[in-house]
Amino acid sequence: MFISNLVDDPQMVMPVQPIGAPVPNTLPPQHNGPAYWIKVSAKQDGSFTVTNQRNGFSKTYATR
């Protein structure tokens, strides 16, 4: 619900080990799926709203 860009090629099983460190002097994998934004709208009172474009989910956080 809170993730805007999902994995391009999802794995069939959950990995058991963390992904290794990137290899020096190489480019990261290129994203080839749709790209969605996350919008944060802040108000002067300190509250803000976060909106996920992929699924339209929006949540407002009030000040304390």
N, C-alpha and C. Protein backbone atom coordinates (compact mmCIF):
# COMPACT_ATOMS: atom_id res chain seq x y z
N MET A 1 0.83 -1.18 0.00
CA MET A 1 0.00 0.00 0.00
C MET A 1 0.88 1.25 0.00
N PHE A 2 2.02 1.23 0.71
CA PHE A 2 2.88 2.40 0.80
C PHE A 2 3.99 2.41 -0.24
N ILE A 3 4.17 1.35 -0.99
CA ILE A 3 5.23 1.26 -1.99
C ILE A 3 4.69 1.73 -3.34
N SER A 4 5.38 2.70 -3.95
CA SER A 4 4.88 3.22 -5.22
C SER A 4 5.42 2.45 -6.42
N ASN A 5 6.67 2.01 -6.39
CA ASN A 5 7.25 1.30 -7.53
C ASN A 5 7.60 -0.12 -7.13
N LEU A 6 6.90 -1.06 -7.72
CA LEU A 6 7.10 -2.46 -7.41
C LEU A 6 8.30 -3.01 -8.19
N VAL A 7 8.72 -4.20 -7.87
CA VAL A 7 9.84 -4.85 -8.55
C VAL A 7 9.42 -5.21 -9.97
N ASP A 8 10.31 -4.98 -10.94
CA ASP A 8 9.99 -5.28 -12.33
C ASP A 8 9.75 -6.77 -12.55
N ASP A 9 10.68 -7.59 -12.09
CA ASP A 9 10.57 -9.04 -12.24
C ASP A 9 10.51 -9.67 -10.85
N PRO A 10 9.32 -9.78 -10.25
CA PRO A 10 9.23 -10.31 -8.89
C PRO A 10 9.74 -11.74 -8.81
N GLN A 11 10.39 -12.06 -7.69
CA GLN A 11 10.91 -13.40 -7.47
C GLN A 11 9.79 -14.32 -6.99
N MET A 12 9.91 -15.59 -7.32
CA MET A 12 8.89 -16.56 -6.93
C MET A 12 9.00 -16.93 -5.45
N VAL A 13 10.20 -16.79 -4.87
CA VAL A 13 10.40 -17.11 -3.46
C VAL A 13 11.10 -15.94 -2.77
N MET A 14 10.92 -15.86 -1.47
CA MET A 14 11.57 -14.81 -0.68
C MET A 14 13.04 -15.16 -0.51
N PRO A 15 13.97 -14.23 -0.80
CA PRO A 15 15.38 -14.53 -0.60
C PRO A 15 15.70 -14.72 0.88
N VAL A 16 16.61 -15.63 1.17
CA VAL A 16 16.97 -15.95 2.55
C VAL A 16 18.16 -15.11 2.99
N GLN A 17 18.98 -14.68 2.05
CA GLN A 17 20.16 -13.89 2.37
C GLN A 17 20.00 -12.48 1.82
N PRO A 18 20.67 -11.51 2.43
CA PRO A 18 20.60 -10.16 1.87
C PRO A 18 21.31 -10.10 0.52
N ILE A 19 20.92 -9.16 -0.29
CA ILE A 19 21.56 -8.97 -1.59
C ILE A 19 22.97 -8.46 -1.35
N GLY A 20 23.91 -8.95 -2.12
CA GLY A 20 25.31 -8.57 -1.95
C GLY A 20 25.56 -7.13 -2.33
N ALA A 21 26.74 -6.64 -1.97
CA ALA A 21 27.14 -5.27 -2.28
C ALA A 21 27.29 -5.11 -3.79
N PRO A 22 27.04 -3.91 -4.32
CA PRO A 22 27.21 -3.70 -5.75
C PRO A 22 28.67 -3.85 -6.17
N VAL A 23 28.86 -4.27 -7.40
CA VAL A 23 30.20 -4.43 -7.95
C VAL A 23 30.72 -3.05 -8.34
N PRO A 24 31.94 -2.70 -7.92
CA PRO A 24 32.47 -1.36 -8.26
C PRO A 24 32.53 -1.14 -9.77
N ASN A 25 32.33 0.10 -10.18
CA ASN A 25 32.41 0.52 -11.59
C ASN A 25 31.39 -0.15 -12.50
N THR A 26 30.24 -0.51 -11.95
CA THR A 26 29.16 -1.07 -12.78
C THR A 26 27.90 -0.25 -12.52
N LEU A 27 27.02 -0.24 -13.49
CA LEU A 27 25.75 0.47 -13.36
C LEU A 27 24.73 -0.41 -12.64
N PRO A 28 23.83 0.20 -11.88
CA PRO A 28 22.77 -0.58 -11.24
C PRO A 28 21.80 -1.09 -12.30
N PRO A 29 20.99 -2.09 -11.97
CA PRO A 29 19.99 -2.57 -12.95
C PRO A 29 19.05 -1.44 -13.34
N GLN A 30 18.65 -1.42 -14.58
CA GLN A 30 17.75 -0.38 -15.07
C GLN A 30 16.30 -0.77 -14.83
N HIS A 31 15.52 0.18 -14.38
CA HIS A 31 14.09 -0.03 -14.13
C HIS A 31 13.37 -0.01 -15.48
N ASN A 32 12.56 -1.04 -15.78
CA ASN A 32 11.90 -1.09 -17.09
C ASN A 32 10.38 -1.12 -16.99
N GLY A 33 9.85 -0.90 -15.81
CA GLY A 33 8.39 -0.90 -15.65
C GLY A 33 7.87 0.52 -15.51
N PRO A 34 6.57 0.66 -15.24
CA PRO A 34 6.02 1.99 -15.06
C PRO A 34 6.59 2.63 -13.78
N ALA A 35 6.76 3.93 -13.80
CA ALA A 35 7.29 4.66 -12.64
C ALA A 35 6.18 5.54 -12.06
N TYR A 36 5.98 5.47 -10.77
CA TYR A 36 4.94 6.23 -10.09
C TYR A 36 5.58 7.17 -9.07
N TRP A 37 4.91 8.27 -8.78
CA TRP A 37 5.44 9.24 -7.83
C TRP A 37 4.77 9.11 -6.47
N ILE A 38 5.44 9.68 -5.49
CA ILE A 38 4.87 9.84 -4.14
C ILE A 38 4.84 11.35 -3.91
N LYS A 39 3.69 11.87 -3.55
CA LYS A 39 3.53 13.31 -3.35
C LYS A 39 3.35 13.60 -1.86
N VAL A 40 4.06 14.58 -1.36
CA VAL A 40 3.90 15.03 0.03
C VAL A 40 3.42 16.47 -0.01
N SER A 41 2.25 16.70 0.59
CA SER A 41 1.68 18.05 0.65
C SER A 41 1.70 18.49 2.11
N ALA A 42 2.44 19.56 2.39
CA ALA A 42 2.57 20.05 3.77
C ALA A 42 1.72 21.31 3.96
N LYS A 43 1.21 21.46 5.18
CA LYS A 43 0.45 22.65 5.55
C LYS A 43 1.24 23.46 6.56
N GLN A 44 0.87 24.71 6.71
CA GLN A 44 1.59 25.61 7.63
C GLN A 44 1.49 25.16 9.08
N ASP A 45 0.44 24.41 9.44
CA ASP A 45 0.29 23.97 10.83
C ASP A 45 1.18 22.78 11.17
N GLY A 46 1.94 22.26 10.18
CA GLY A 46 2.85 21.14 10.42
C GLY A 46 2.28 19.79 10.00
N SER A 47 1.01 19.72 9.68
CA SER A 47 0.44 18.45 9.20
C SER A 47 0.82 18.26 7.74
N PHE A 48 0.77 17.01 7.28
CA PHE A 48 1.09 16.76 5.88
C PHE A 48 0.34 15.53 5.40
N THR A 49 0.19 15.42 4.08
CA THR A 49 -0.49 14.30 3.44
C THR A 49 0.46 13.66 2.45
N VAL A 50 0.52 12.33 2.47
CA VAL A 50 1.35 11.57 1.53
C VAL A 50 0.41 10.81 0.61
N THR A 51 0.61 10.93 -0.71
CA THR A 51 -0.24 10.27 -1.70
C THR A 51 0.62 9.40 -2.61
N ASN A 52 0.16 8.16 -2.83
CA ASN A 52 0.83 7.20 -3.70
C ASN A 52 0.09 7.18 -5.04
N GLN A 53 0.76 7.55 -6.12
CA GLN A 53 0.11 7.61 -7.44
C GLN A 53 -0.29 6.23 -7.93
N ARG A 54 0.49 5.19 -7.62
CA ARG A 54 0.22 3.86 -8.16
C ARG A 54 -1.16 3.35 -7.77
N ASN A 55 -1.55 3.52 -6.52
CA ASN A 55 -2.82 2.96 -6.08
C ASN A 55 -3.79 4.01 -5.55
N GLY A 56 -3.39 5.28 -5.58
CA GLY A 56 -4.28 6.35 -5.12
C GLY A 56 -4.40 6.44 -3.61
N PHE A 57 -3.65 5.64 -2.86
CA PHE A 57 -3.72 5.67 -1.40
C PHE A 57 -3.16 6.99 -0.88
N SER A 58 -3.85 7.57 0.08
CA SER A 58 -3.44 8.84 0.66
C SER A 58 -3.62 8.77 2.16
N LYS A 59 -2.66 9.33 2.92
CA LYS A 59 -2.76 9.34 4.37
C LYS A 59 -2.29 10.69 4.88
N THR A 60 -3.07 11.25 5.80
CA THR A 60 -2.75 12.54 6.40
C THR A 60 -2.20 12.32 7.80
N TYR A 61 -1.13 13.04 8.10
CA TYR A 61 -0.49 12.97 9.41
C TYR A 61 -0.69 14.32 10.09
N ALA A 62 -1.34 14.30 11.26
CA ALA A 62 -1.63 15.53 11.99
C ALA A 62 -0.45 15.90 12.90
N THR A 63 -0.44 17.12 13.34
CA THR A 63 0.57 17.55 14.31
C THR A 63 0.20 17.01 15.68
N ARG A 64 1.18 16.98 16.57
CA ARG A 64 0.92 16.48 17.93
C ARG A 64 0.30 17.52 18.79
